[in-house]
Amino acid sequence: IACNTASVISLASLREEFRFPIIGVVPAVKPAA
């Protein structure tokens, strides 16, 4: 899911619905801090 918005909102539900691995993109807050 090459979109921060879509990852933040829907990643958890997609992983429940589909059996193959799904990787999301979220803001790089941790390394920035």
Full PDB file with SEQRES, HELIX, SHEET, SSBOND, CRYST1, ORIGX, SCALE, CONECT and MASTER records, all heavy atoms in Angstrom:
SEQRES   1 A   33  ILE ALA CYS ASN THR ALA SER VAL ILE SER LEU ALA SER          
SEQRES   2 A   33  LEU ARG GLU GLU PHE ARG PHE PRO ILE ILE GLY VAL VAL          
SEQRES   3 A   33  PRO ALA VAL LYS PRO ALA ALA                                  
HELIX    1 AA1 ASN A    4  GLU A   17  1                                  14    
HELIX    2 AA2 VAL A   29  ALA A   32  1                                   4    
CRYST1    1.000    1.000    1.000  90.00  90.00  90.00 P 1           1          
ORIGX1      1.000000  0.000000  0.000000        0.00000                         
ORIGX2      0.000000  1.000000  0.000000        0.00000                         
ORIGX3      0.000000  0.000000  1.000000        0.00000                         
SCALE1      1.000000  0.000000  0.000000        0.00000                         
SCALE2      0.000000  1.000000  0.000000        0.00000                         
SCALE3      0.000000  0.000000  1.000000        0.00000                         
ATOM      1  N   ILE A   1       0.877  -1.167   0.000  1.00  0.00           N  
ATOM      2  CA  ILE A   1       0.000   0.000   0.000  1.00  0.00           C  
ATOM      3  C   ILE A   1       0.915   1.218   0.000  1.00  0.00           C  
ATOM      4  O   ILE A   1       1.373   1.667   1.043  1.00  0.00           O  
ATOM      5  CB  ILE A   1      -0.942   0.018   1.214  1.00  0.00           C  
ATOM      6  CG1 ILE A   1      -1.652  -1.322   1.357  1.00  0.00           C  
ATOM      7  CG2 ILE A   1      -1.952   1.157   1.092  1.00  0.00           C  
ATOM      8  CD1 ILE A   1      -2.445  -1.738   0.136  1.00  0.00           C  
ATOM      9  N   ALA A   2       1.209   1.735  -1.185  1.00  0.00           N  
ATOM     10  CA  ALA A   2       2.223   2.778  -1.344  1.00  0.00           C  
ATOM     11  C   ALA A   2       1.641   4.168  -1.123  1.00  0.00           C  
ATOM     12  O   ALA A   2       1.888   5.103  -1.882  1.00  0.00           O  
ATOM     13  CB  ALA A   2       2.852   2.675  -2.729  1.00  0.00           C  
ATOM     14  N   CYS A   3       0.872   4.290  -0.057  1.00  0.00           N  
ATOM     15  CA  CYS A   3       0.175   5.529   0.267  1.00  0.00           C  
ATOM     16  C   CYS A   3       0.048   5.600   1.777  1.00  0.00           C  
ATOM     17  O   CYS A   3      -0.475   4.666   2.404  1.00  0.00           O  
ATOM     18  CB  CYS A   3      -1.211   5.540  -0.397  1.00  0.00           C  
ATOM     19  SG  CYS A   3      -2.301   6.860   0.170  1.00  0.00           S  
ATOM     20  N   ASN A   4       0.542   6.680   2.372  1.00  0.00           N  
ATOM     21  CA  ASN A   4       0.473   6.824   3.822  1.00  0.00           C  
ATOM     22  C   ASN A   4      -0.966   6.840   4.314  1.00  0.00           C  
ATOM     23  O   ASN A   4      -1.310   6.178   5.297  1.00  0.00           O  
ATOM     24  CB  ASN A   4       1.177   8.118   4.248  1.00  0.00           C  
ATOM     25  CG  ASN A   4       2.683   8.039   4.146  1.00  0.00           C  
ATOM     26  OD1 ASN A   4       3.368   7.721   5.103  1.00  0.00           O  
ATOM     27  ND2 ASN A   4       3.217   8.330   2.972  1.00  0.00           N  
ATOM     28  N   THR A   5      -1.821   7.590   3.641  1.00  0.00           N  
ATOM     29  CA  THR A   5      -3.213   7.707   4.069  1.00  0.00           C  
ATOM     30  C   THR A   5      -3.908   6.355   4.054  1.00  0.00           C  
ATOM     31  O   THR A   5      -4.547   5.955   5.036  1.00  0.00           O  
ATOM     32  CB  THR A   5      -3.976   8.690   3.162  1.00  0.00           C  
ATOM     33  OG1 THR A   5      -3.375   9.983   3.256  1.00  0.00           O  
ATOM     34  CG2 THR A   5      -5.437   8.791   3.571  1.00  0.00           C  
ATOM     35  N   ALA A   6      -3.802   5.639   2.940  1.00  0.00           N  
ATOM     36  CA  ALA A   6      -4.454   4.334   2.823  1.00  0.00           C  
ATOM     37  C   ALA A   6      -3.894   3.342   3.827  1.00  0.00           C  
ATOM     38  O   ALA A   6      -4.630   2.523   4.380  1.00  0.00           O  
ATOM     39  CB  ALA A   6      -4.294   3.798   1.406  1.00  0.00           C  
ATOM     40  N   SER A   7      -2.592   3.406   4.085  1.00  0.00           N  
ATOM     41  CA  SER A   7      -1.969   2.501   5.052  1.00  0.00           C  
ATOM     42  C   SER A   7      -2.475   2.784   6.466  1.00  0.00           C  
ATOM     43  O   SER A   7      -2.839   1.865   7.207  1.00  0.00           O  
ATOM     44  CB  SER A   7      -0.445   2.641   5.013  1.00  0.00           C  
ATOM     45  OG  SER A   7       0.073   2.261   3.763  1.00  0.00           O  
ATOM     46  N   VAL A   8      -2.489   4.050   6.830  1.00  0.00           N  
ATOM     47  CA  VAL A   8      -2.921   4.440   8.168  1.00  0.00           C  
ATOM     48  C   VAL A   8      -4.356   4.005   8.427  1.00  0.00           C  
ATOM     49  O   VAL A   8      -4.697   3.526   9.513  1.00  0.00           O  
ATOM     50  CB  VAL A   8      -2.770   5.974   8.334  1.00  0.00           C  
ATOM     51  CG1 VAL A   8      -3.541   6.470   9.540  1.00  0.00           C  
ATOM     52  CG2 VAL A   8      -1.299   6.350   8.461  1.00  0.00           C  
ATOM     53  N   ILE A   9      -5.216   4.142   7.412  1.00  0.00           N  
ATOM     54  CA  ILE A   9      -6.641   3.895   7.594  1.00  0.00           C  
ATOM     55  C   ILE A   9      -7.020   2.429   7.423  1.00  0.00           C  
ATOM     56  O   ILE A   9      -7.834   1.887   8.176  1.00  0.00           O  
ATOM     57  CB  ILE A   9      -7.470   4.751   6.610  1.00  0.00           C  
ATOM     58  CG1 ILE A   9      -7.225   6.242   6.849  1.00  0.00           C  
ATOM     59  CG2 ILE A   9      -8.959   4.420   6.723  1.00  0.00           C  
ATOM     60  CD1 ILE A   9      -7.611   6.731   8.212  1.00  0.00           C  
ATOM     61  N   SER A  10      -6.428   1.744   6.429  1.00  0.00           N  
ATOM     62  CA  SER A  10      -6.998   0.451   6.018  1.00  0.00           C  
ATOM     63  C   SER A  10      -6.077  -0.752   6.143  1.00  0.00           C  
ATOM     64  O   SER A  10      -6.494  -1.872   5.867  1.00  0.00           O  
ATOM     65  CB  SER A  10      -7.472   0.550   4.559  1.00  0.00           C  
ATOM     66  OG  SER A  10      -6.367   0.734   3.682  1.00  0.00           O  
ATOM     67  N   LEU A  11      -4.842  -0.552   6.559  1.00  0.00           N  
ATOM     68  CA  LEU A  11      -3.892  -1.668   6.558  1.00  0.00           C  
ATOM     69  C   LEU A  11      -4.351  -2.819   7.450  1.00  0.00           C  
ATOM     70  O   LEU A  11      -4.278  -3.999   7.056  1.00  0.00           O  
ATOM     71  CB  LEU A  11      -2.511  -1.172   6.994  1.00  0.00           C  
ATOM     72  CG  LEU A  11      -1.345  -2.151   6.830  1.00  0.00           C  
ATOM     73  CD1 LEU A  11      -1.210  -2.602   5.378  1.00  0.00           C  
ATOM     74  CD2 LEU A  11      -0.038  -1.509   7.300  1.00  0.00           C  
ATOM     75  N   ALA A  12      -4.846  -2.507   8.628  1.00  0.00           N  
ATOM     76  CA  ALA A  12      -5.265  -3.564   9.558  1.00  0.00           C  
ATOM     77  C   ALA A  12      -6.410  -4.389   8.978  1.00  0.00           C  
ATOM     78  O   ALA A  12      -6.400  -5.628   9.053  1.00  0.00           O  
ATOM     79  CB  ALA A  12      -5.681  -2.946  10.891  1.00  0.00           C  
ATOM     80  N   SER A  13      -7.403  -3.740   8.378  1.00  0.00           N  
ATOM     81  CA  SER A  13      -8.545  -4.469   7.824  1.00  0.00           C  
ATOM     82  C   SER A  13      -8.148  -5.289   6.604  1.00  0.00           C  
ATOM     83  O   SER A  13      -8.661  -6.397   6.386  1.00  0.00           O  
ATOM     84  CB  SER A  13      -9.670  -3.499   7.465  1.00  0.00           C  
ATOM     85  OG  SER A  13      -9.267  -2.577   6.470  1.00  0.00           O  
ATOM     86  N   LEU A  14      -7.229  -4.778   5.800  1.00  0.00           N  
ATOM     87  CA  LEU A  14      -6.765  -5.526   4.626  1.00  0.00           C  
ATOM     88  C   LEU A  14      -6.036  -6.797   5.051  1.00  0.00           C  
ATOM     89  O   LEU A  14      -6.192  -7.855   4.428  1.00  0.00           O  
ATOM     90  CB  LEU A  14      -5.844  -4.651   3.770  1.00  0.00           C  
ATOM     91  CG  LEU A  14      -6.507  -3.528   2.979  1.00  0.00           C  
ATOM     92  CD1 LEU A  14      -5.450  -2.643   2.327  1.00  0.00           C  
ATOM     93  CD2 LEU A  14      -7.466  -4.072   1.924  1.00  0.00           C  
ATOM     94  N   ARG A  15      -5.249  -6.700   6.098  1.00  0.00           N  
ATOM     95  CA  ARG A  15      -4.502  -7.872   6.564  1.00  0.00           C  
ATOM     96  C   ARG A  15      -5.436  -8.935   7.142  1.00  0.00           C  
ATOM     97  O   ARG A  15      -5.113 -10.119   7.100  1.00  0.00           O  
ATOM     98  CB  ARG A  15      -3.463  -7.440   7.597  1.00  0.00           C  
ATOM     99  CG  ARG A  15      -2.252  -6.755   6.979  1.00  0.00           C  
ATOM    100  CD  ARG A  15      -1.303  -6.197   8.023  1.00  0.00           C  
ATOM    101  NE  ARG A  15      -0.068  -5.731   7.409  1.00  0.00           N  
ATOM    102  CZ  ARG A  15       0.836  -4.985   8.036  1.00  0.00           C  
ATOM    103  NH1 ARG A  15       0.636  -4.617   9.305  1.00  0.00           N  
ATOM    104  NH2 ARG A  15       1.941  -4.605   7.423  1.00  0.00           N  
ATOM    105  N   GLU A  16      -6.569  -8.516   7.642  1.00  0.00           N  
ATOM    106  CA  GLU A  16      -7.558  -9.484   8.115  1.00  0.00           C  
ATOM    107  C   GLU A  16      -8.277 -10.160   6.944  1.00  0.00           C  
ATOM    108  O   GLU A  16      -8.657 -11.318   7.026  1.00  0.00           O  
ATOM    109  CB  GLU A  16      -8.585  -8.786   9.006  1.00  0.00           C  
ATOM    110  CG  GLU A  16      -8.038  -8.348  10.346  1.00  0.00           C  
ATOM    111  CD  GLU A  16      -9.106  -7.699  11.204  1.00  0.00           C  
ATOM    112  OE1 GLU A  16     -10.261  -7.599  10.737  1.00  0.00           O  
ATOM    113  OE2 GLU A  16      -8.792  -7.276  12.336  1.00  0.00           O  
ATOM    114  N   GLU A  17      -8.448  -9.409   5.855  1.00  0.00           N  
ATOM    115  CA  GLU A  17      -9.233  -9.908   4.721  1.00  0.00           C  
ATOM    116  C   GLU A  17      -8.437 -10.803   3.780  1.00  0.00           C  
ATOM    117  O   GLU A  17      -8.977 -11.758   3.216  1.00  0.00           O  
ATOM    118  CB  GLU A  17      -9.811  -8.719   3.948  1.00  0.00           C  
ATOM    119  CG  GLU A  17     -10.720  -9.112   2.798  1.00  0.00           C  
ATOM    120  CD  GLU A  17     -11.348  -7.909   2.107  1.00  0.00           C  
ATOM    121  OE1 GLU A  17     -11.081  -6.756   2.543  1.00  0.00           O  
ATOM    122  OE2 GLU A  17     -12.095  -8.117   1.135  1.00  0.00           O  
ATOM    123  N   PHE A  18      -7.143 -10.514   3.607  1.00  0.00           N  
ATOM    124  CA  PHE A  18      -6.340 -11.238   2.625  1.00  0.00           C  
ATOM    125  C   PHE A  18      -5.230 -12.030   3.312  1.00  0.00           C  
ATOM    126  O   PHE A  18      -4.678 -11.597   4.322  1.00  0.00           O  
ATOM    127  CB  PHE A  18      -5.743 -10.265   1.603  1.00  0.00           C  
ATOM    128  CG  PHE A  18      -6.785  -9.517   0.813  1.00  0.00           C  
ATOM    129  CD1 PHE A  18      -7.227  -8.271   1.232  1.00  0.00           C  
ATOM    130  CD2 PHE A  18      -7.329 -10.074  -0.335  1.00  0.00           C  
ATOM    131  CE1 PHE A  18      -8.194  -7.577   0.520  1.00  0.00           C  
ATOM    132  CE2 PHE A  18      -8.299  -9.400  -1.052  1.00  0.00           C  
ATOM    133  CZ  PHE A  18      -8.733  -8.153  -0.622  1.00  0.00           C  
ATOM    134  N   ARG A  19      -4.871 -13.150   2.723  1.00  0.00           N  
ATOM    135  CA  ARG A  19      -3.896 -14.041   3.345  1.00  0.00           C  
ATOM    136  C   ARG A  19      -2.463 -13.755   2.926  1.00  0.00           C  
ATOM    137  O   ARG A  19      -1.529 -14.181   3.601  1.00  0.00           O  
ATOM    138  CB  ARG A  19      -4.251 -15.499   3.010  1.00  0.00           C  
ATOM    139  CG  ARG A  19      -5.558 -15.958   3.646  1.00  0.00           C  
ATOM    140  CD  ARG A  19      -5.783 -17.434   3.438  1.00  0.00           C  
ATOM    141  NE  ARG A  19      -7.004 -17.895   4.109  1.00  0.00           N  
ATOM    142  CZ  ARG A  19      -7.416 -19.151   4.117  1.00  0.00           C  
ATOM    143  NH1 ARG A  19      -6.719 -20.085   3.487  1.00  0.00           N  
ATOM    144  NH2 ARG A  19      -8.525 -19.482   4.743  1.00  0.00           N  
ATOM    145  N   PHE A  20      -2.253 -13.087   1.803  1.00  0.00           N  
ATOM    146  CA  PHE A  20      -0.879 -12.799   1.383  1.00  0.00           C  
ATOM    147  C   PHE A  20      -0.338 -11.587   2.148  1.00  0.00           C  
ATOM    148  O   PHE A  20      -1.117 -10.761   2.655  1.00  0.00           O  
ATOM    149  CB  PHE A  20      -0.798 -12.583  -0.135  1.00  0.00           C  
ATOM    150  CG  PHE A  20      -1.786 -11.582  -0.682  1.00  0.00           C  
ATOM    151  CD1 PHE A  20      -1.556 -10.218  -0.591  1.00  0.00           C  
ATOM    152  CD2 PHE A  20      -2.945 -12.013  -1.311  1.00  0.00           C  
ATOM    153  CE1 PHE A  20      -2.446  -9.299  -1.101  1.00  0.00           C  
ATOM    154  CE2 PHE A  20      -3.858 -11.108  -1.822  1.00  0.00           C  
ATOM    155  CZ  PHE A  20      -3.607  -9.739  -1.715  1.00  0.00           C  
ATOM    156  N   PRO A  21       0.986 -11.447   2.249  1.00  0.00           N  
ATOM    157  CA  PRO A  21       1.567 -10.329   3.005  1.00  0.00           C  
ATOM    158  C   PRO A  21       1.209  -8.980   2.389  1.00  0.00           C  
ATOM    159  O   PRO A  21       1.234  -8.803   1.165  1.00  0.00           O  
ATOM    160  CB  PRO A  21       3.079 -10.584   2.906  1.00  0.00           C  
ATOM    161  CG  PRO A  21       3.211 -12.040   2.583  1.00  0.00           C  
ATOM    162  CD  PRO A  21       2.016 -12.376   1.745  1.00  0.00           C  
ATOM    163  N   ILE A  22       0.879  -8.022   3.234  1.00  0.00           N  
ATOM    164  CA  ILE A  22       0.580  -6.657   2.804  1.00  0.00           C  
ATOM    165  C   ILE A  22       1.444  -5.709   3.617  1.00  0.00           C  
ATOM    166  O   ILE A  22       1.394  -5.716   4.849  1.00  0.00           O  
ATOM    167  CB  ILE A  22      -0.909  -6.325   2.972  1.00  0.00           C  
ATOM    168  CG1 ILE A  22      -1.773  -7.291   2.150  1.00  0.00           C  
ATOM    169  CG2 ILE A  22      -1.189  -4.882   2.542  1.00  0.00           C  
ATOM    170  CD1 ILE A  22      -3.262  -7.076   2.310  1.00  0.00           C  
ATOM    171  N   ILE A  23       2.233  -4.903   2.922  1.00  0.00           N  
ATOM    172  CA  ILE A  23       3.158  -3.967   3.564  1.00  0.00           C  
ATOM    173  C   ILE A  23       2.644  -2.557   3.355  1.00  0.00           C  
ATOM    174  O   ILE A  23       2.251  -2.184   2.235  1.00  0.00           O  
ATOM    175  CB  ILE A  23       4.580  -4.105   2.975  1.00  0.00           C  
ATOM    176  CG1 ILE A  23       5.118  -5.531   3.185  1.00  0.00           C  
ATOM    177  CG2 ILE A  23       5.528  -3.090   3.618  1.00  0.00           C  
ATOM    178  CD1 ILE A  23       4.922  -6.457   2.017  1.00  0.00           C  
ATOM    179  N   GLY A  24       2.641  -1.757   4.392  1.00  0.00           N  
ATOM    180  CA  GLY A  24       2.155  -0.394   4.301  1.00  0.00           C  
ATOM    181  C   GLY A  24       3.275   0.630   4.376  1.00  0.00           C  
ATOM    182  O   GLY A  24       4.442   0.304   4.624  1.00  0.00           O  
ATOM    183  N   VAL A  25       2.902   1.876   4.139  1.00  0.00           N  
ATOM    184  CA  VAL A  25       3.826   3.009   4.223  1.00  0.00           C  
ATOM    185  C   VAL A  25       3.280   3.969   5.268  1.00  0.00           C  
ATOM    186  O   VAL A  25       2.148   4.431   5.147  1.00  0.00           O  
ATOM    187  CB  VAL A  25       3.941   3.738   2.868  1.00  0.00           C  
ATOM    188  CG1 VAL A  25       4.844   4.961   2.991  1.00  0.00           C  
ATOM    189  CG2 VAL A  25       4.461   2.801   1.796  1.00  0.00           C  
ATOM    190  N   VAL A  26       4.062   4.260   6.283  1.00  0.00           N  
ATOM    191  CA  VAL A  26       3.634   5.213   7.308  1.00  0.00           C  
ATOM    192  C   VAL A  26       4.724   6.272   7.480  1.00  0.00           C  
ATOM    193  O   VAL A  26       5.894   6.037   7.168  1.00  0.00           O  
ATOM    194  CB  VAL A  26       3.348   4.516   8.653  1.00  0.00           C  
ATOM    195  CG1 VAL A  26       2.176   3.549   8.512  1.00  0.00           C  
ATOM    196  CG2 VAL A  26       4.571   3.808   9.192  1.00  0.00           C  
ATOM    197  N   PRO A  27       4.357   7.467   7.965  1.00  0.00           N  
ATOM    198  CA  PRO A  27       5.336   8.550   8.108  1.00  0.00           C  
ATOM    199  C   PRO A  27       6.545   8.140   8.953  1.00  0.00           C  
ATOM    200  O   PRO A  27       6.399   7.466   9.969  1.00  0.00           O  
ATOM    201  CB  PRO A  27       4.533   9.658   8.797  1.00  0.00           C  
ATOM    202  CG  PRO A  27       3.116   9.386   8.412  1.00  0.00           C  
ATOM    203  CD  PRO A  27       2.999   7.890   8.348  1.00  0.00           C  
ATOM    204  N   ALA A  28       7.710   8.566   8.520  1.00  0.00           N  
ATOM    205  CA  ALA A  28       8.966   8.177   9.171  1.00  0.00           C  
ATOM    206  C   ALA A  28       9.224   9.021  10.414  1.00  0.00           C  
ATOM    207  O   ALA A  28      10.272   9.665  10.566  1.00  0.00           O  
ATOM    208  CB  ALA A  28      10.122   8.317   8.178  1.00  0.00           C  
ATOM    209  N   VAL A  29       8.277   8.992  11.328  1.00  0.00           N  
ATOM    210  CA  VAL A  29       8.377   9.787  12.558  1.00  0.00           C  
ATOM    211  C   VAL A  29       9.468   9.251  13.480  1.00  0.00           C  
ATOM    212  O   VAL A  29      10.226  10.029  14.084  1.00  0.00           O  
ATOM    213  CB  VAL A  29       7.014   9.815  13.277  1.00  0.00           C  
ATOM    214  CG1 VAL A  29       7.150  10.435  14.673  1.00  0.00           C  
ATOM    215  CG2 VAL A  29       5.990  10.573  12.451  1.00  0.00           C  
ATOM    216  N   LYS A  30       9.561   7.940  13.594  1.00  0.00           N  
ATOM    217  CA  LYS A  30      10.534   7.335  14.510  1.00  0.00           C  
ATOM    218  C   LYS A  30      11.971   7.710  14.162  1.00  0.00           C  
ATOM    219  O   LYS A  30      12.706   8.207  15.030  1.00  0.00           O  
ATOM    220  CB  LYS A  30      10.353   5.822  14.532  1.00  0.00           C  
ATOM    221  CG  LYS A  30      11.285   5.106  15.497  1.00  0.00           C  
ATOM    222  CD  LYS A  30      11.019   3.611  15.511  1.00  0.00           C  
ATOM    223  CE  LYS A  30      11.931   2.883  16.477  1.00  0.00           C  
ATOM    224  NZ  LYS A  30      11.654   1.414  16.500  1.00  0.00           N  
ATOM    225  N   PRO A  31      12.433   7.501  12.912  1.00  0.00           N  
ATOM    226  CA  PRO A  31      13.809   7.908  12.607  1.00  0.00           C  
ATOM    227  C   PRO A  31      14.003   9.417  12.661  1.00  0.00           C  
ATOM    228  O   PRO A  31      15.092   9.898  12.994  1.00  0.00           O  
ATOM    229  CB  PRO A  31      14.035   7.365  11.190  1.00  0.00           C  
ATOM    230  CG  PRO A  31      12.680   7.118  10.631  1.00  0.00           C  
ATOM    231  CD  PRO A  31      11.809   6.779  11.794  1.00  0.00           C  
ATOM    232  N   ALA A  32      12.951  10.181  12.357  1.00  0.00           N  
ATOM    233  CA  ALA A  32      13.064  11.641  12.429  1.00  0.00           C  
ATOM    234  C   ALA A  32      13.324  12.097  13.854  1.00  0.00           C  
ATOM    235  O   ALA A  32      14.154  12.979  14.097  1.00  0.00           O  
ATOM    236  CB  ALA A  32      11.793  12.287  11.881  1.00  0.00           C  
ATOM    237  N   ALA A  33      12.620  11.485  14.809  1.00  0.00           N  
ATOM    238  CA  ALA A  33      12.812  11.839  16.218  1.00  0.00           C  
ATOM    239  C   ALA A  33      14.224  11.503  16.679  1.00  0.00           C  
ATOM    240  O   ALA A  33      14.831  12.241  17.471  1.00  0.00           O  
ATOM    241  CB  ALA A  33      11.783  11.106  17.077  1.00  0.00           C  
TER     242      ALA A  33                                                      
MASTER        0    0    0    2    0    0    0    6  241    1    0    3          
END                                                                             
